[in-house]
Amino acid sequence: MVIGAPQSAAAAADAWARSGVMWLTGHAGGTPLVPMGEAAALAARLAAHIGRAGAEAGRPVRVDGGRLLAERAALTGATRRGRVSVGGGCRLLPTADGWAAVSCIRPDDPLLWSALIGHELDEWLPRRLAAWLAAHSTAELEERVALLGLAAGAVRGWPGGGLEADAVRVPRPGRPRSVRGMLVVDFSALWAGPLCAHLLGLAGAEVVKVEVPSRPDGARFGNRAFYDLLHAGHRAVALDPADRAGRAALHALVRAADVVVEASRPRALARFGLDAAAEVERGCTWVSITAYGRSVDRVGFGDDVAAAGGLLATDDQGTPVFCGDAIADPLTGLTAAALAMSEPEGGGGVLWEVAMADVVAATVRAHTAPTARALPSGGGDGWQVDTGAGLVPVAAPVARTPAGAAPMLGADTGAVLRRLGIAVP
């Protein structure tokens, strides 16, 4: 996927510096580093596509794509931490033959990691895991994490990072279309899918967030301002698919949708009897966000997927450090929104398959390996980058102001279902 021509190293560095991502990249207290590739520049082009789609219905979406990549950190106050992710849930650790990114975020993850390395769960787990990785190959790691359902991966091709362009399988956005008045049913959680739904809402779509009462979006329990930013103005529906009436209402809601956004492995919704192919056949736009693809039964989060794909930076010792804050998430959300706001070929339904790993691969190219370095700005704690085409200040992350408060879990269930003529369970 390429929107516009590939960027020069100077243009890529300029976009990184202005985005706020570079401020989040590097060691704590050290120099901000220019990441690999051109993700910030691509984000700007995706945002422009989304803006044109909104303008089709008189609802232009005015967002800075590059700054969207860093705005969560602006709200949480987090900053660069080198080989610890900005959010703290992922680590870059050396293996016997390279580097790996390992995430420990979910409640069950510590127990699963202890099972992987063959030790009882105790306070020494991080040290034991680091020792195990240093003695084992990245291939051994990937085989074991696949069996246990852990989020981790080998950092591919390091040093040098990333995949070649011919390995990229991300669809290219087409002619922008209006989504004003469309019903978007959003099953997603955390960041990538909700950002996609948020951008569709800004363009005039009606967004209904659907959650299972026993498993709400985990982002509800994180930074409140960030959750409000992505969900204000949406409707919140809670339905239990284990209940017959709840499942019937869920199916009817999906059948009424113009766009469905999901961000889980396909089997998750298939368990509820939802069939993406059937919905596409009737004319629905189905946006499927996964870590590594619908056919790959593998989990991943924004930091480990980005790192595994080579979307990183290199420190003065030639070792990798994280790029930004879970950058694969917002980058994928922008891509998914641009696709959802593209006219499907033939005017019918379409399944947009958006894998975070593929989106990352689309941004990392050998000819955009960074050459620019950050320098002190001459006063205070500021930095600037000499791109070769001029000095560019390294911007700190900036977040937009939420439009209001997000609705509570299930707050609109009855109202939404009654308006659509669906029986309330």
Protein backbone atom coordinates (compact mmCIF):
# COMPACT_ATOMS: atom_id res chain seq x y z
CA MET A 1 0.00 0.00 0.00
CA VAL A 2 1.34 3.40 -0.99
CA ILE A 3 -0.66 6.63 -0.91
CA GLY A 4 1.46 9.04 -2.90
CA ALA A 5 5.11 8.56 -3.73
CA PRO A 6 7.54 7.10 -1.19
CA GLN A 7 9.27 9.77 0.88
CA SER A 8 12.94 10.65 0.94
CA ALA A 9 14.83 10.10 4.18
CA ALA A 10 14.77 13.88 4.78
CA ALA A 11 11.00 14.12 4.26
CA ALA A 12 10.42 11.08 6.47
CA ALA A 13 12.54 12.61 9.26
CA ASP A 14 10.65 15.89 8.94
CA ALA A 15 7.32 14.08 9.37
CA TRP A 16 8.60 12.10 12.35
CA ALA A 17 9.84 15.26 14.09
CA ARG A 18 6.52 17.08 13.64
CA SER A 19 4.33 14.12 14.68
CA GLY A 20 5.34 13.81 18.34
CA VAL A 21 6.41 10.19 17.78
CA MET A 22 10.10 11.06 17.74
CA TRP A 23 9.70 12.66 21.20
CA LEU A 24 8.60 9.20 22.39
CA THR A 25 11.45 7.33 20.70
CA GLY A 26 14.81 6.78 22.41
CA HIS A 27 16.15 6.18 25.89
CA ALA A 28 14.68 7.93 28.94
CA GLY A 29 16.46 11.23 29.40
CA GLY A 30 18.43 10.71 26.20
CA THR A 31 18.30 12.05 22.68
CA PRO A 32 15.08 11.51 20.71
CA LEU A 33 15.74 9.19 17.78
CA VAL A 34 14.44 9.13 14.22
CA PRO A 35 12.57 5.84 13.61
CA MET A 36 12.80 3.56 10.62
CA GLY A 37 10.54 4.08 7.63
CA GLU A 38 7.90 6.64 6.84
CA ALA A 39 4.90 5.84 9.03
CA ALA A 40 4.35 9.47 10.08
CA ALA A 41 4.35 10.64 6.47
CA LEU A 42 1.98 7.83 5.50
CA ALA A 43 -0.33 8.76 8.38
CA ALA A 44 -0.56 12.29 7.01
CA ARG A 45 -1.54 10.98 3.57
CA LEU A 46 -4.15 8.65 5.09
CA ALA A 47 -5.64 11.56 7.05
CA ALA A 48 -5.86 13.60 3.84
CA HIS A 49 -7.77 10.74 2.17
CA ILE A 50 -10.16 10.59 5.15
CA GLY A 51 -10.62 14.36 4.99
CA ARG A 52 -11.62 14.16 1.33
CA ALA A 53 -14.11 11.38 2.10
CA GLY A 54 -15.76 13.52 4.77
CA ALA A 55 -15.88 16.47 2.40
CA GLU A 56 -17.96 14.35 -0.02
CA ALA A 57 -20.91 14.90 2.36
CA GLY A 58 -19.93 18.31 3.66
CA ARG A 59 -18.30 16.85 6.78
CA PRO A 60 -14.56 17.26 6.18
CA VAL A 61 -12.46 15.52 8.82
CA ARG A 62 -9.63 17.81 9.84
CA VAL A 63 -7.07 15.75 11.74
CA ASP A 64 -3.28 15.71 11.65
CA GLY A 65 -2.50 12.08 10.82
CA GLY A 66 1.04 12.22 12.15
CA ARG A 67 -0.04 13.66 15.49
CA LEU A 68 -2.74 11.02 15.90
CA LEU A 69 0.08 8.49 16.28
CA ALA A 70 1.26 10.06 19.54
CA GLU A 71 -1.82 11.59 21.13
CA ARG A 72 -2.43 8.84 23.70
CA ALA A 73 0.93 9.63 25.31
CA ALA A 74 -0.01 13.31 25.37
CA LEU A 75 -2.98 12.38 27.58
CA THR A 76 -1.20 9.83 29.78
CA GLY A 77 1.97 11.90 30.20
CA ALA A 78 4.15 8.93 29.24
CA THR A 79 7.44 9.39 27.43
CA ARG A 80 10.31 7.45 25.83
CA ARG A 81 11.75 4.50 27.75
CA GLY A 82 14.16 2.86 25.31
CA ARG A 83 13.67 -0.92 25.27
CA VAL A 84 10.61 -0.67 27.50
CA SER A 85 7.50 0.43 25.64
CA VAL A 86 6.01 3.83 26.42
CA GLY A 87 3.02 2.12 28.05
CA GLY A 88 5.24 -0.30 29.97
CA GLY A 89 3.63 -3.53 28.76
CA CYS A 90 6.24 -4.65 26.22
CA ARG A 91 10.01 -5.26 26.34
CA LEU A 92 12.72 -5.58 23.71
CA LEU A 93 15.05 -8.37 24.83
CA PRO A 94 18.04 -10.10 23.18
CA THR A 95 17.71 -13.72 22.12
CA ALA A 96 20.44 -16.21 21.24
CA ASP A 97 20.33 -15.05 17.61
CA GLY A 98 18.71 -11.61 17.58
CA TRP A 99 16.05 -9.58 19.35
CA ALA A 100 12.45 -10.17 20.36
CA ALA A 101 9.55 -8.02 21.49
CA VAL A 102 7.50 -9.61 24.29
CA SER A 103 4.25 -8.23 25.73
CA CYS A 104 2.86 -8.95 29.18
CA ILE A 105 -0.42 -7.03 29.32
CA ARG A 106 -3.37 -9.35 29.96
CA PRO A 107 -4.12 -10.73 33.44
CA ASP A 108 -3.19 -14.29 32.41
CA ASP A 109 0.04 -13.35 30.64
CA PRO A 110 2.43 -13.78 33.62
CA LEU A 111 1.16 -17.31 34.17
CA LEU A 112 1.53 -18.15 30.48
CA TRP A 113 5.07 -16.73 30.34
CA SER A 114 6.03 -18.81 33.37
CA ALA A 115 4.67 -21.88 31.58
CA LEU A 116 6.67 -21.03 28.45
CA ILE A 117 10.01 -20.90 30.29
CA GLY A 118 9.21 -23.81 32.63
CA HIS A 119 9.34 -21.92 35.94
CA GLU A 120 6.80 -21.33 38.67
CA LEU A 121 5.24 -17.87 38.65
CA ASP A 122 7.19 -15.64 41.07
CA GLU A 123 8.62 -12.12 41.37
CA TRP A 124 11.73 -13.23 39.45
CA LEU A 125 9.76 -13.89 36.26
CA PRO A 126 11.12 -10.88 34.24
CA ARG A 127 14.72 -11.86 35.03
CA ARG A 128 14.07 -15.55 34.34
CA LEU A 129 12.35 -14.70 31.03
CA ALA A 130 15.29 -12.54 29.93
CA ALA A 131 17.69 -15.38 30.74
CA TRP A 132 15.54 -17.91 28.85
CA LEU A 133 15.40 -15.68 25.77
CA ALA A 134 19.17 -15.14 25.79
CA ALA A 135 19.65 -18.91 25.64
CA HIS A 136 17.04 -19.66 22.95
CA SER A 137 16.55 -18.71 19.33
CA THR A 138 13.83 -16.44 18.05
CA ALA A 139 12.40 -19.41 16.12
CA GLU A 140 11.97 -21.33 19.40
CA LEU A 141 10.27 -18.31 20.94
CA GLU A 142 7.81 -17.89 18.08
CA GLU A 143 6.93 -21.59 18.12
CA ARG A 144 6.11 -21.49 21.82
CA VAL A 145 4.18 -18.22 21.85
CA ALA A 146 2.00 -19.51 19.01
CA LEU A 147 1.06 -22.55 21.10
CA LEU A 148 0.29 -20.50 24.23
CA GLY A 149 -1.41 -17.54 22.57
CA LEU A 150 1.12 -14.98 23.79
CA ALA A 151 1.86 -11.66 22.08
CA ALA A 152 5.53 -11.67 21.09
CA GLY A 153 7.68 -11.88 18.02
CA ALA A 154 11.17 -11.89 16.62
CA VAL A 155 12.39 -8.49 15.46
CA ARG A 156 12.70 -9.27 11.78
CA GLY A 157 15.84 -8.44 9.88
CA TRP A 158 17.50 -6.45 12.66
CA PRO A 159 19.65 -4.47 12.14
CA GLY A 160 18.06 -2.86 9.09
CA GLY A 161 14.51 -3.69 10.09
CA GLY A 162 11.35 -4.55 8.33
CA LEU A 163 10.01 -6.44 5.34
CA GLU A 164 10.58 -5.79 1.68
CA ALA A 165 7.88 -3.90 -0.19
CA ASP A 166 6.83 -6.96 -2.24
CA ALA A 167 5.76 -8.72 0.99
CA VAL A 168 3.13 -6.09 1.79
CA ARG A 169 -0.51 -7.11 1.42
CA VAL A 170 -2.43 -4.04 2.60
CA PRO A 171 -5.23 -2.95 0.22
CA ARG A 172 -4.86 0.48 -1.33
CA PRO A 173 -7.65 2.94 -0.50
CA GLY A 174 -9.82 3.78 -3.51
CA ARG A 175 -11.98 6.73 -4.47
CA PRO A 176 -13.21 8.51 -1.31
CA ARG A 177 -16.89 8.05 -0.49
CA SER A 178 -19.27 9.67 1.95
CA VAL A 179 -20.26 7.69 5.05
CA ARG A 180 -22.65 10.34 6.35
CA GLY A 181 -25.74 8.73 7.86
CA MET A 182 -24.34 5.21 7.65
CA LEU A 183 -24.76 2.90 10.65
CA VAL A 184 -21.40 1.66 11.94
CA VAL A 185 -21.48 -1.27 14.36
CA ASP A 186 -18.18 -1.34 16.24
CA PHE A 187 -17.15 -4.56 17.99
CA SER A 188 -13.55 -3.46 18.48
CA ALA A 189 -11.62 -2.52 21.61
CA LEU A 190 -8.46 -0.72 22.74
CA TRP A 191 -7.11 1.61 20.01
CA ALA A 192 -6.95 0.58 16.34
CA GLY A 193 -10.62 -0.31 15.79
CA PRO A 194 -12.03 2.46 18.00
CA LEU A 195 -9.88 5.03 16.15
CA CYS A 196 -11.31 3.76 12.86
CA ALA A 197 -14.87 4.06 14.22
CA HIS A 198 -14.08 7.49 15.70
CA LEU A 199 -12.92 8.81 12.32
CA LEU A 200 -16.03 7.39 10.63
CA GLY A 201 -18.11 9.19 13.24
CA LEU A 202 -16.31 12.48 12.55
CA ALA A 203 -17.21 12.01 8.88
CA GLY A 204 -20.91 11.80 9.74
CA ALA A 205 -21.57 8.11 10.39
CA GLU A 206 -23.69 6.93 13.33
CA VAL A 207 -21.45 4.73 15.49
CA VAL A 208 -22.84 2.08 17.84
CA LYS A 209 -20.27 0.42 20.10
CA VAL A 210 -21.24 -3.15 21.00
CA GLU A 211 -19.79 -4.88 24.06
CA VAL A 212 -20.45 -8.12 25.90
CA PRO A 213 -21.43 -7.22 29.49
CA SER A 214 -18.94 -9.70 30.97
CA ARG A 215 -16.08 -8.51 28.71
CA PRO A 216 -16.21 -4.75 28.16
CA ASP A 217 -13.55 -2.85 26.26
CA GLY A 218 -10.45 -2.90 28.46
CA ALA A 219 -9.71 0.70 27.45
CA ARG A 220 -12.63 1.74 29.65
CA PHE A 221 -10.34 1.10 32.62
CA GLY A 222 -7.41 3.05 31.22
CA ASN A 223 -6.95 6.79 30.70
CA ARG A 224 -10.45 8.29 30.79
CA ALA A 225 -9.67 11.28 28.58
CA PHE A 226 -8.31 9.00 25.87
CA TYR A 227 -11.39 6.77 26.02
CA ASP A 228 -13.64 9.83 25.83
CA LEU A 229 -11.65 11.15 22.87
CA LEU A 230 -12.38 8.04 20.78
CA HIS A 231 -15.94 7.33 21.96
CA ALA A 232 -17.72 10.62 22.70
CA GLY A 233 -20.84 10.93 20.55
CA HIS A 234 -21.17 7.20 19.98
CA ARG A 235 -23.96 4.96 21.29
CA ALA A 236 -23.15 2.14 23.73
CA VAL A 237 -24.96 -1.20 23.43
CA ALA A 238 -24.35 -4.22 25.65
CA LEU A 239 -25.67 -7.61 24.52
CA ASP A 240 -25.02 -11.10 25.85
CA PRO A 241 -24.69 -13.55 22.94
CA ALA A 242 -24.94 -16.45 25.37
CA ASP A 243 -28.58 -15.44 25.89
CA ARG A 244 -30.96 -16.41 23.06
CA ALA A 245 -32.72 -13.04 22.96
CA GLY A 246 -29.40 -11.20 23.23
CA ARG A 247 -27.97 -13.18 20.32
CA ALA A 248 -31.06 -12.49 18.20
CA ALA A 249 -30.74 -8.76 18.89
CA LEU A 250 -27.03 -8.90 18.05
CA HIS A 251 -27.73 -10.55 14.69
CA ALA A 252 -30.46 -8.03 13.87
CA LEU A 253 -28.15 -5.13 14.72
CA VAL A 254 -25.44 -6.47 12.41
CA ARG A 255 -27.96 -6.97 9.61
CA ALA A 256 -28.93 -3.30 9.95
CA ALA A 257 -25.32 -2.10 9.75
CA ASP A 258 -23.77 -0.42 6.74
CA VAL A 259 -20.28 -0.88 8.21
CA VAL A 260 -19.04 -3.41 10.77
CA VAL A 261 -15.69 -2.90 12.52
CA GLU A 262 -14.11 -5.84 14.33
CA ALA A 263 -10.64 -6.22 15.81
CA SER A 264 -10.39 -9.83 16.92
CA ARG A 265 -9.59 -13.18 15.42
CA PRO A 266 -12.47 -14.25 13.10
CA ARG A 267 -13.46 -17.16 15.31
CA ALA A 268 -14.51 -14.73 18.07
CA LEU A 269 -17.55 -13.41 16.18
CA ALA A 270 -18.10 -16.74 14.41
CA ARG A 271 -18.84 -18.23 17.85
CA PHE A 272 -21.81 -15.86 18.02
CA GLY A 273 -23.06 -17.06 14.64
CA LEU A 274 -22.00 -13.91 12.77
CA ASP A 275 -20.87 -14.49 9.19
CA ALA A 276 -18.75 -11.76 7.61
CA ALA A 277 -19.08 -13.27 4.12
CA ALA A 278 -22.88 -13.27 4.33
CA GLU A 279 -22.96 -9.65 5.47
CA VAL A 280 -20.64 -8.60 2.65
CA GLU A 281 -22.89 -10.46 0.18
CA ARG A 282 -25.85 -8.32 1.22
CA GLY A 283 -23.78 -5.13 0.69
CA CYS A 284 -22.12 -4.46 4.05
CA THR A 285 -18.60 -3.03 4.40
CA TRP A 286 -16.84 -5.31 6.90
CA VAL A 287 -13.56 -4.02 8.36
CA SER A 288 -11.53 -6.83 9.92
CA ILE A 289 -8.51 -5.69 11.96
CA THR A 290 -6.13 -8.42 13.13
CA ALA A 291 -2.54 -8.63 14.29
CA TYR A 292 -1.26 -10.92 11.53
CA GLY A 293 -4.21 -11.71 9.24
CA ARG A 294 -7.55 -13.51 9.36
CA SER A 295 -5.95 -16.84 8.44
CA VAL A 296 -3.28 -16.61 11.15
CA ASP A 297 -4.34 -17.68 14.65
CA ARG A 298 -1.91 -15.39 16.42
CA VAL A 299 -2.35 -12.47 18.82
CA GLY A 300 -0.44 -9.22 18.93
CA PHE A 301 -0.57 -5.68 20.30
CA GLY A 302 0.63 -2.37 18.93
CA ASP A 303 4.12 -2.41 20.41
CA ASP A 304 5.13 -6.02 19.77
CA VAL A 305 3.69 -6.06 16.23
CA ALA A 306 5.47 -2.82 15.31
CA ALA A 307 8.76 -4.02 16.76
CA ALA A 308 8.51 -7.43 15.11
CA GLY A 309 8.06 -5.68 11.77
CA GLY A 310 11.12 -3.49 12.22
CA LEU A 311 9.29 -0.24 13.01
CA LEU A 312 11.91 0.79 15.59
CA ALA A 313 14.87 3.11 16.00
CA THR A 314 18.55 2.40 16.56
CA ASP A 315 20.52 3.81 19.49
CA ASP A 316 24.22 4.76 19.50
CA GLN A 317 25.16 1.15 20.35
CA GLY A 318 23.34 -0.14 17.27
CA THR A 319 20.61 -1.83 19.31
CA PRO A 320 16.84 -1.38 18.86
CA VAL A 321 14.52 0.86 20.88
CA PHE A 322 10.76 1.27 20.62
CA CYS A 323 9.20 3.66 18.14
CA GLY A 324 6.50 5.80 19.73
CA ASP A 325 3.56 4.43 21.71
CA ALA A 326 2.02 1.19 20.36
CA ILE A 327 2.34 2.80 16.96
CA ALA A 328 0.92 -0.13 14.99
CA ASP A 329 -2.47 0.58 16.59
CA PRO A 330 -3.16 4.14 15.43
CA LEU A 331 -1.45 3.52 12.11
CA THR A 332 -3.77 0.57 11.49
CA GLY A 333 -6.82 2.54 12.68
CA LEU A 334 -6.06 5.28 10.16
CA THR A 335 -5.59 2.70 7.39
CA ALA A 336 -8.85 0.93 8.26
CA ALA A 337 -10.78 4.21 8.26
CA ALA A 338 -9.36 5.21 4.87
CA LEU A 339 -10.44 1.85 3.45
CA ALA A 340 -13.92 2.06 5.01
CA MET A 341 -14.28 5.50 3.41
CA SER A 342 -13.31 4.14 -0.02
CA GLU A 343 -15.88 3.27 -2.66
CA PRO A 344 -16.01 -0.55 -3.04
CA GLU A 345 -15.42 -1.85 -6.55
CA GLY A 346 -18.77 -2.52 -8.17
CA GLY A 347 -20.59 -0.58 -5.45
CA GLY A 348 -21.47 -3.64 -3.35
CA GLY A 349 -20.19 -5.02 -0.10
CA VAL A 350 -16.53 -5.53 0.69
CA LEU A 351 -14.38 -7.23 3.31
CA TRP A 352 -11.40 -5.04 4.13
CA GLU A 353 -8.78 -7.22 5.80
CA VAL A 354 -6.30 -5.01 7.65
CA ALA A 355 -3.46 -6.79 9.45
CA MET A 356 -1.33 -4.63 11.71
CA ALA A 357 1.81 -6.49 10.66
CA ASP A 358 1.14 -5.70 7.01
CA VAL A 359 0.46 -2.03 7.73
CA VAL A 360 3.78 -1.83 9.57
CA ALA A 361 5.57 -3.54 6.70
CA ALA A 362 4.13 -0.98 4.27
CA THR A 363 5.91 1.83 6.14
CA VAL A 364 9.36 0.30 6.60
CA ARG A 365 11.58 0.53 3.54
CA ALA A 366 15.33 0.16 3.21
CA HIS A 367 15.66 3.48 1.38
CA THR A 368 14.04 5.37 4.25
CA ALA A 369 16.51 4.19 6.89
CA PRO A 370 17.08 7.30 9.04
CA THR A 371 20.12 9.46 8.41
CA ALA A 372 19.11 12.54 10.44
CA ARG A 373 19.94 12.92 14.14
CA ALA A 374 18.41 15.10 16.84
CA LEU A 375 20.44 17.95 18.34
CA PRO A 376 19.77 20.17 21.38
CA SER A 377 17.82 23.24 20.29
CA GLY A 378 20.09 25.60 22.18
CA GLY A 379 17.87 26.28 25.15
CA GLY A 380 15.75 24.39 27.65
CA ASP A 381 15.06 20.73 26.99
CA GLY A 382 14.06 21.10 23.34
CA TRP A 383 15.49 19.26 20.34
CA GLN A 384 15.72 19.81 16.62
CA VAL A 385 16.52 17.62 13.64
CA ASP A 386 18.80 18.54 10.79
CA THR A 387 17.07 16.72 7.93
CA GLY A 388 19.52 17.98 5.33
CA ALA A 389 16.80 20.26 4.06
CA GLY A 390 16.70 22.43 7.20
CA LEU A 391 16.28 22.33 10.96
CA VAL A 392 12.94 20.99 12.25
CA PRO A 393 11.90 21.19 15.93
CA VAL A 394 11.11 17.86 17.59
CA ALA A 395 7.49 18.36 18.65
CA ALA A 396 6.13 16.94 21.88
CA PRO A 397 2.95 14.83 21.60
CA VAL A 398 -0.27 16.84 21.41
CA ALA A 399 -3.79 15.48 21.89
CA ARG A 400 -7.10 16.81 20.66
CA THR A 401 -9.76 17.73 23.21
CA PRO A 402 -12.51 15.12 23.66
CA ALA A 403 -15.88 16.26 22.33
CA GLY A 404 -17.59 15.09 25.52
CA ALA A 405 -17.90 12.07 27.76
CA ALA A 406 -18.16 8.57 26.35
CA PRO A 407 -21.36 6.69 27.25
CA MET A 408 -21.32 4.15 30.04
CA LEU A 409 -21.40 0.43 29.22
CA GLY A 410 -24.76 -0.43 27.62
CA ALA A 411 -26.22 3.03 28.28
CA ASP A 412 -28.05 3.17 24.94
CA THR A 413 -29.03 -0.47 24.43
CA GLY A 414 -32.78 -0.03 24.66
CA ALA A 415 -32.93 3.25 22.75
CA VAL A 416 -30.81 1.98 19.84
CA LEU A 417 -32.64 -1.33 19.48
CA ARG A 418 -36.10 0.25 19.65
CA ARG A 419 -35.19 2.85 17.03
CA LEU A 420 -34.07 0.10 14.67
CA GLY A 421 -37.18 -1.99 15.35
CA ILE A 422 -35.25 -4.72 17.17
CA ALA A 423 -36.74 -6.49 20.17
CA VAL A 424 -34.99 -5.52 23.38
CA PRO A 425 -33.80 -8.63 25.27
